Amino acid sequence: MAPAVEALEGDVELGIYSFGERHPDPITGEQLSVAEALANTLERIRLADELGLSFYGLGEHHLPEYSISNPGTVLAAAASVTRDIVLSSAVTVLSTEDPVRLYQQFTTLDQLSGGRAELLAGRGSFTESFPLFGADLTDYDELYEEKLDLLLALDRENPITWSGKFRPPLENASVLPRPYGEHLRISVGTGGNPESSIRAGALGLPVVYAVIGGRPERFAPLVDLYRQAGEASGQPAQRAHVTMGAIGLIAERSQDAKEAFYPYWLETMKYGSRARGWPMPGRAHYDEYTSGAQALFTGSPNEIAERMISVGKLVKADRYAMQMDWSGVPHATVMTAIELLGTKVLPQVREAFAS
């Protein structure tokens, strides 16, 4: 079984995740090319590494508003311009992947990066990959269960003999390359499904909570479920590893962050309302969500640090990761926010957890 991604005792890791968004700018109407969006992504990852941030995750989408359909390829490019930061998918839609090829891709990344690869496996919040790769949505749960089983078996055994419903069997197959270390770091992503927390805990896998709405405190019972499932299954306590996600933006002045982020947040809400049937919120809702960075982590470095500390201690988080480029927040604004996360938020969080 792949071991948990363990943080140092008394320490909490901070990082970033992104989907490589390239929505038309709601203010200027301009849309980045895929090449421009990818170049910006690599520049942001390099800055995060230089600042001592611990994690950068890239999500998978197959839509024109996003630049990243294959996170592993972009992460491989990032490996060549970074030294220490963990390079992860966020998430890989495991249900529509071939686990053998996926495992090879991320073990190759692991070798390239000197052991810094992490594969974050999830179901994904969008379903466009199902028809694209010939998967049936009626098999949604079965696909994920079987492919996660195979992915973990690949990390455990080599050569491997395995059979299932959705791909040809493997008979004494050698799957190469192997990870840089003993195991590939494999995590499970969830948006709040209790079964996902229980599964991750029972399997002894790290869990990543994608908090895309509401106060993050509501995830505390799910984290408890995760830890209880691990304990009930006999998993060593050190395998439990919790990453909390957050959406927002950081600026020197709280109100500047709120004003800068609002049109991009609103654009995402419009997109989600059209594509997913979300109820359409307005400015009053936004002001409520950002007040004290309660639901959206949008504000000054002190506000964001306080929220990460309070929520992190509540759920005993090992890592916090922020998404700050919703609907194409301008590159310079995101770069400033990453710099503030590394230079002003990270020291406060480290001090709070060390004490």
Protein backbone atom coordinates (compact mmCIF):
# COMPACT_ATOMS: atom_id res chain seq x y z
CA MET A 1 0.00 0.00 0.00
CA ALA A 2 1.29 3.47 -0.82
CA PRO A 3 2.26 5.33 2.35
CA ALA A 4 0.68 8.60 3.38
CA VAL A 5 2.36 11.86 2.45
CA GLU A 6 3.63 12.68 5.92
CA ALA A 7 4.19 16.25 7.09
CA LEU A 8 6.88 17.01 9.65
CA GLU A 9 5.62 16.88 13.22
CA GLY A 10 4.30 20.29 14.25
CA ASP A 11 4.32 21.51 10.67
CA VAL A 12 1.58 22.15 8.12
CA GLU A 13 2.34 22.33 4.42
CA LEU A 14 0.86 25.07 2.24
CA GLY A 15 0.37 24.88 -1.50
CA ILE A 16 -1.62 25.75 -4.60
CA TYR A 17 -3.90 23.94 -6.98
CA SER A 18 -5.14 25.06 -10.38
CA PHE A 19 -7.10 23.92 -13.42
CA GLY A 20 -5.11 26.11 -15.82
CA GLU A 21 -8.18 28.26 -16.45
CA ARG A 22 -8.46 30.34 -19.61
CA HIS A 23 -12.02 31.67 -19.49
CA PRO A 24 -12.50 34.96 -21.35
CA ASP A 25 -11.70 37.73 -18.90
CA PRO A 26 -15.03 39.11 -17.61
CA ILE A 27 -13.59 42.63 -17.53
CA THR A 28 -11.53 42.84 -20.74
CA GLY A 29 -13.05 39.99 -22.76
CA GLU A 30 -9.57 38.72 -23.62
CA GLN A 31 -8.84 34.99 -23.59
CA LEU A 32 -5.39 33.51 -23.15
CA SER A 33 -4.16 30.98 -25.66
CA VAL A 34 -3.41 27.51 -24.35
CA ALA A 35 0.31 28.21 -24.76
CA GLU A 36 0.06 31.42 -22.71
CA ALA A 37 -1.95 29.72 -19.95
CA LEU A 38 0.57 26.86 -19.73
CA ALA A 39 3.52 29.27 -19.64
CA ASN A 40 1.83 31.15 -16.79
CA THR A 41 1.25 27.88 -14.95
CA LEU A 42 4.93 26.94 -15.11
CA GLU A 43 5.95 30.41 -13.92
CA ARG A 44 3.60 30.11 -10.93
CA ILE A 45 4.88 26.66 -9.99
CA ARG A 46 8.47 27.87 -10.16
CA LEU A 47 7.64 30.83 -7.90
CA ALA A 48 5.82 28.60 -5.40
CA ASP A 49 8.88 26.33 -5.24
CA GLU A 50 11.24 29.29 -4.69
CA LEU A 51 9.05 30.57 -1.85
CA GLY A 52 9.12 27.27 0.02
CA LEU A 53 5.53 26.23 -0.66
CA SER A 54 5.18 22.46 -0.49
CA PHE A 55 2.57 21.45 -3.06
CA TYR A 56 1.29 22.38 -6.52
CA GLY A 57 -1.61 20.42 -8.00
CA LEU A 58 -3.04 20.59 -11.52
CA GLY A 59 -6.55 19.43 -12.37
CA GLU A 60 -7.76 17.58 -15.47
CA HIS A 61 -10.44 19.04 -17.75
CA HIS A 62 -11.40 18.48 -21.39
CA LEU A 63 -13.20 21.76 -22.06
CA PRO A 64 -12.18 24.88 -24.03
CA GLU A 65 -12.12 27.05 -20.90
CA TYR A 66 -9.19 25.08 -19.47
CA SER A 67 -5.63 24.52 -20.70
CA ILE A 68 -4.80 21.25 -18.92
CA SER A 69 -6.24 17.94 -20.11
CA ASN A 70 -3.18 15.91 -19.13
CA PRO A 71 -1.73 17.09 -15.80
CA GLY A 72 1.19 14.66 -15.92
CA THR A 73 2.64 16.27 -19.03
CA VAL A 74 2.57 19.77 -17.54
CA LEU A 75 3.93 18.50 -14.23
CA ALA A 76 6.83 16.87 -16.07
CA ALA A 77 7.69 20.26 -17.53
CA ALA A 78 7.43 21.76 -14.04
CA ALA A 79 9.83 19.14 -12.69
CA SER A 80 12.57 20.60 -14.87
CA VAL A 81 12.25 24.11 -13.35
CA THR A 82 11.69 23.21 -9.67
CA ARG A 83 13.67 21.55 -6.92
CA ASP A 84 11.59 20.77 -3.82
CA ILE A 85 7.86 21.21 -4.38
CA VAL A 86 5.52 18.20 -4.60
CA LEU A 87 3.98 18.00 -8.08
CA SER A 88 0.51 16.50 -8.11
CA SER A 89 -2.60 16.04 -10.18
CA ALA A 90 -5.69 17.69 -8.65
CA VAL A 91 -7.47 15.54 -9.64
CA THR A 92 -6.89 12.83 -12.20
CA VAL A 93 -10.27 11.48 -13.30
CA LEU A 94 -9.40 7.88 -12.53
CA SER A 95 -12.70 6.46 -13.83
CA THR A 96 -11.77 7.26 -17.44
CA GLU A 97 -8.06 6.42 -17.29
CA ASP A 98 -6.18 3.18 -17.87
CA PRO A 99 -4.51 2.65 -14.48
CA VAL A 100 -1.51 0.90 -16.02
CA ARG A 101 -0.65 3.78 -18.35
CA LEU A 102 -1.48 6.32 -15.65
CA TYR A 103 0.80 4.60 -13.17
CA GLN A 104 3.63 4.58 -15.70
CA GLN A 105 3.12 8.27 -16.41
CA PHE A 106 3.35 9.25 -12.76
CA THR A 107 6.22 6.92 -11.90
CA THR A 108 8.08 8.51 -14.81
CA LEU A 109 7.29 11.93 -13.31
CA ASP A 110 8.45 10.59 -9.94
CA GLN A 111 11.78 9.55 -11.44
CA LEU A 112 12.17 12.87 -13.28
CA SER A 113 11.47 14.89 -10.14
CA GLY A 114 13.49 12.82 -7.70
CA GLY A 115 10.47 11.46 -5.83
CA ARG A 116 8.21 14.54 -5.85
CA ALA A 117 5.25 13.13 -7.80
CA GLU A 118 1.81 12.66 -6.26
CA LEU A 119 -1.16 11.11 -8.03
CA LEU A 120 -4.44 12.49 -6.70
CA ALA A 121 -7.16 10.13 -7.91
CA GLY A 122 -10.80 11.23 -7.95
CA ARG A 123 -14.06 11.03 -9.82
CA GLY A 124 -13.89 14.63 -11.04
CA SER A 125 -16.57 17.31 -10.71
CA PHE A 126 -17.27 17.31 -14.47
CA THR A 127 -18.14 14.30 -16.64
CA GLU A 128 -16.92 15.33 -20.10
CA SER A 129 -14.20 12.67 -20.03
CA PHE A 130 -16.75 9.82 -19.99
CA PRO A 131 -18.01 10.13 -23.58
CA LEU A 132 -14.59 11.27 -24.75
CA PHE A 133 -12.94 8.03 -23.65
CA GLY A 134 -15.88 5.73 -24.24
CA ALA A 135 -16.90 5.20 -20.62
CA ASP A 136 -20.51 4.72 -19.58
CA LEU A 137 -21.82 7.02 -16.86
CA THR A 138 -24.03 4.20 -15.60
CA ASP A 139 -20.78 2.47 -14.57
CA TYR A 140 -19.68 5.56 -12.59
CA ASP A 141 -19.15 3.83 -9.24
CA GLU A 142 -17.94 0.47 -10.54
CA LEU A 143 -15.35 2.08 -12.79
CA TYR A 144 -13.81 4.07 -9.98
CA GLU A 145 -13.77 1.16 -7.53
CA GLU A 146 -12.13 -1.25 -9.97
CA LYS A 147 -9.58 1.21 -11.26
CA LEU A 148 -8.56 2.34 -7.79
CA ASP A 149 -8.11 -1.31 -6.85
CA LEU A 150 -5.85 -1.88 -9.85
CA LEU A 151 -3.88 1.34 -9.30
CA LEU A 152 -3.08 0.35 -5.73
CA ALA A 153 -2.24 -3.21 -6.77
CA LEU A 154 0.22 -1.86 -9.35
CA ASP A 155 1.99 0.07 -6.63
CA ARG A 156 2.07 -2.98 -4.35
CA GLU A 157 3.08 -5.73 -6.75
CA ASN A 158 5.49 -6.16 -9.62
CA PRO A 159 5.07 -8.30 -11.59
CA ILE A 160 1.29 -8.28 -11.24
CA THR A 161 -1.52 -10.72 -12.03
CA TRP A 162 -4.95 -9.11 -12.00
CA SER A 163 -8.37 -9.34 -13.65
CA GLY A 164 -11.46 -7.14 -13.65
CA LYS A 165 -14.49 -6.11 -15.65
CA PHE A 166 -13.38 -3.01 -17.54
CA ARG A 167 -9.95 -3.84 -18.99
CA PRO A 168 -8.09 -6.94 -20.19
CA PRO A 169 -6.47 -9.02 -17.42
CA LEU A 170 -2.81 -8.83 -16.51
CA GLU A 171 -0.84 -12.06 -16.25
CA ASN A 172 2.54 -11.81 -14.54
CA ALA A 173 2.96 -8.37 -16.13
CA SER A 174 5.92 -6.15 -15.28
CA VAL A 175 4.85 -2.49 -15.16
CA LEU A 176 7.76 -0.07 -15.51
CA PRO A 177 9.25 2.25 -14.47
CA ARG A 178 8.88 1.77 -10.75
CA PRO A 179 8.66 4.80 -8.44
CA TYR A 180 11.73 6.74 -7.36
CA GLY A 181 11.25 5.41 -3.82
CA GLU A 182 9.48 2.33 -2.55
CA HIS A 183 6.00 3.60 -3.46
CA LEU A 184 4.27 6.25 -5.54
CA ARG A 185 2.35 8.79 -3.46
CA ILE A 186 -1.33 8.12 -4.22
CA SER A 187 -4.07 10.25 -2.64
CA VAL A 188 -7.86 10.22 -2.90
CA GLY A 189 -9.77 13.41 -3.72
CA THR A 190 -13.33 14.08 -2.60
CA GLY A 191 -15.80 16.94 -2.62
CA GLY A 192 -17.51 15.77 0.54
CA ASN A 193 -18.88 12.29 -0.08
CA PRO A 194 -18.84 10.33 3.24
CA GLU A 195 -18.17 7.05 1.44
CA SER A 196 -15.01 8.54 -0.09
CA SER A 197 -13.71 9.51 3.35
CA ILE A 198 -14.42 6.05 4.72
CA ARG A 199 -12.77 4.36 1.71
CA ALA A 200 -9.63 6.49 1.95
CA GLY A 201 -9.31 5.85 5.67
CA ALA A 202 -9.87 2.11 5.34
CA LEU A 203 -7.25 1.88 2.59
CA GLY A 204 -4.71 3.96 4.52
CA LEU A 205 -4.55 6.60 1.79
CA PRO A 206 -4.14 10.37 2.15
CA VAL A 207 -7.36 12.30 1.53
CA VAL A 208 -7.81 15.69 -0.14
CA TYR A 209 -10.99 17.67 0.51
CA ALA A 210 -12.03 20.01 -2.31
CA VAL A 211 -13.91 22.73 -0.44
CA ILE A 212 -15.77 24.55 -3.22
CA GLY A 213 -18.62 26.05 -1.21
CA GLY A 214 -19.65 26.81 2.34
CA ARG A 215 -17.60 27.08 5.51
CA PRO A 216 -14.79 24.51 5.67
CA GLU A 217 -15.73 23.63 9.25
CA ARG A 218 -18.53 21.49 7.83
CA PHE A 219 -15.88 19.00 6.67
CA ALA A 220 -14.79 18.24 10.24
CA PRO A 221 -17.24 15.29 10.63
CA LEU A 222 -15.94 13.83 7.35
CA VAL A 223 -12.36 14.06 8.60
CA ASP A 224 -13.46 12.28 11.76
CA LEU A 225 -15.04 9.55 9.62
CA TYR A 226 -11.79 9.24 7.67
CA ARG A 227 -9.68 8.80 10.78
CA GLN A 228 -12.18 6.42 12.42
CA ALA A 229 -12.26 4.24 9.29
CA GLY A 230 -8.48 4.03 9.28
CA GLU A 231 -8.37 3.07 12.93
CA ALA A 232 -11.15 0.48 12.50
CA SER A 233 -9.28 -1.07 9.56
CA GLY A 234 -6.04 -1.32 11.51
CA GLN A 235 -4.20 1.31 9.48
CA PRO A 236 -1.23 2.91 11.25
CA ALA A 237 -2.14 6.38 12.53
CA GLN A 238 0.79 7.95 10.66
CA ARG A 239 -0.83 7.01 7.36
CA ALA A 240 -3.67 9.43 7.97
CA HIS A 241 -2.96 12.61 6.00
CA VAL A 242 -5.51 15.37 5.40
CA THR A 243 -5.31 18.14 2.82
CA MET A 244 -7.89 20.92 2.95
CA GLY A 245 -8.61 22.90 -0.20
CA ALA A 246 -9.72 26.54 -0.30
CA ILE A 247 -10.80 28.99 -2.99
CA GLY A 248 -9.95 32.67 -2.78
CA LEU A 249 -7.34 35.36 -3.32
CA ILE A 250 -4.77 37.16 -1.18
CA ALA A 251 -3.83 40.84 -1.41
CA GLU A 252 -2.03 43.18 0.97
CA ARG A 253 -5.33 44.90 1.79
CA SER A 254 -8.39 42.79 2.49
CA GLN A 255 -10.79 44.93 0.46
CA ASP A 256 -8.43 44.91 -2.53
CA ALA A 257 -8.53 41.10 -2.56
CA LYS A 258 -12.32 41.07 -2.34
CA GLU A 259 -12.82 43.59 -5.15
CA ALA A 260 -10.25 41.92 -7.40
CA PHE A 261 -11.70 38.43 -7.00
CA TYR A 262 -15.40 39.28 -7.26
CA PRO A 263 -15.84 39.50 -11.08
CA TYR A 264 -13.97 36.20 -11.58
CA TRP A 265 -15.90 34.45 -8.84
CA LEU A 266 -19.13 35.76 -10.39
CA GLU A 267 -18.10 34.47 -13.81
CA THR A 268 -17.52 31.00 -12.36
CA MET A 269 -20.92 31.13 -10.70
CA LYS A 270 -22.54 32.05 -14.05
CA TYR A 271 -20.72 29.19 -15.76
CA GLY A 272 -21.74 26.74 -13.05
CA SER A 273 -25.32 27.97 -13.14
CA ARG A 274 -25.52 27.33 -16.89
CA ALA A 275 -23.64 24.02 -16.93
CA ARG A 276 -24.61 22.51 -13.60
CA GLY A 277 -27.84 24.22 -12.56
CA TRP A 278 -26.31 25.98 -9.55
CA PRO A 279 -28.53 28.69 -8.01
CA MET A 280 -27.09 32.05 -9.04
CA PRO A 281 -25.75 34.06 -6.06
CA GLY A 282 -25.11 37.80 -6.08
CA ARG A 283 -22.91 40.42 -4.43
CA ALA A 284 -24.63 40.14 -1.05
CA HIS A 285 -23.84 36.42 -0.97
CA TYR A 286 -20.24 37.12 -1.98
CA ASP A 287 -19.81 39.71 0.76
CA GLU A 288 -21.12 37.18 3.26
CA TYR A 289 -18.82 34.42 1.99
CA THR A 290 -15.74 36.66 2.11
CA SER A 291 -16.48 38.35 5.45
CA GLY A 292 -13.60 37.28 7.64
CA ALA A 293 -12.67 34.81 4.87
CA GLN A 294 -15.29 32.49 6.35
CA ALA A 295 -16.21 30.55 3.19
CA LEU A 296 -14.06 32.10 0.46
CA PHE A 297 -10.46 32.58 1.57
CA THR A 298 -10.33 36.09 0.12
CA GLY A 299 -8.59 38.78 2.12
CA SER A 300 -5.32 39.96 3.63
CA PRO A 301 -2.47 37.62 4.58
CA ASN A 302 -3.44 37.89 8.25
CA GLU A 303 -7.06 36.92 7.52
CA ILE A 304 -6.06 33.93 5.43
CA ALA A 305 -3.49 32.77 7.97
CA GLU A 306 -6.05 32.99 10.79
CA ARG A 307 -8.55 30.88 8.83
CA MET A 308 -5.96 28.27 7.87
CA ILE A 309 -4.85 28.03 11.48
CA SER A 310 -8.36 27.76 12.95
CA VAL A 311 -9.66 25.24 10.40
CA GLY A 312 -6.36 23.39 10.23
CA LYS A 313 -6.30 22.83 13.98
CA LEU A 314 -9.97 21.82 14.02
CA VAL A 315 -9.48 19.02 11.48
CA LYS A 316 -5.80 18.38 12.29
CA ALA A 317 -4.88 19.16 8.67
CA ASP A 318 -1.47 18.23 7.34
CA ARG A 319 -1.72 20.49 4.30
CA TYR A 320 -3.72 23.44 2.98
CA ALA A 321 -3.93 24.17 -0.74
CA MET A 322 -5.46 27.28 -2.31
CA GLN A 323 -6.97 27.83 -5.76
CA MET A 324 -6.63 31.50 -6.70
CA ASP A 325 -7.07 31.64 -10.48
CA TRP A 326 -10.82 31.06 -10.88
CA SER A 327 -12.09 32.11 -14.32
CA GLY A 328 -8.71 33.47 -15.27
CA VAL A 329 -7.76 35.94 -12.53
CA PRO A 330 -4.94 37.94 -14.18
CA HIS A 331 -1.50 36.37 -14.02
CA ALA A 332 0.14 39.27 -12.20
CA THR A 333 -2.57 39.21 -9.53
CA VAL A 334 -2.13 35.46 -9.01
CA MET A 335 1.66 35.83 -8.81
CA THR A 336 1.30 38.49 -6.10
CA ALA A 337 -1.11 36.24 -4.20
CA ILE A 338 1.31 33.29 -4.38
CA GLU A 339 4.12 35.52 -3.12
CA LEU A 340 1.98 36.65 -0.17
CA LEU A 341 1.03 33.06 0.60
CA GLY A 342 4.70 32.11 0.77
CA THR A 343 6.14 35.17 2.49
CA LYS A 344 3.37 36.28 4.87
CA VAL A 345 0.87 33.46 5.38
CA LEU A 346 3.25 30.50 5.57
CA PRO A 347 5.39 31.90 8.44
CA GLN A 348 2.30 32.59 10.56
CA VAL A 349 0.87 29.13 9.96
CA ARG A 350 4.17 27.42 10.72
CA GLU A 351 4.58 29.38 13.95
CA ALA A 352 1.03 28.59 15.08
CA PHE A 353 1.40 24.85 14.53
CA ALA A 354 4.91 24.67 15.92
CA SER A 355 3.63 26.20 19.18
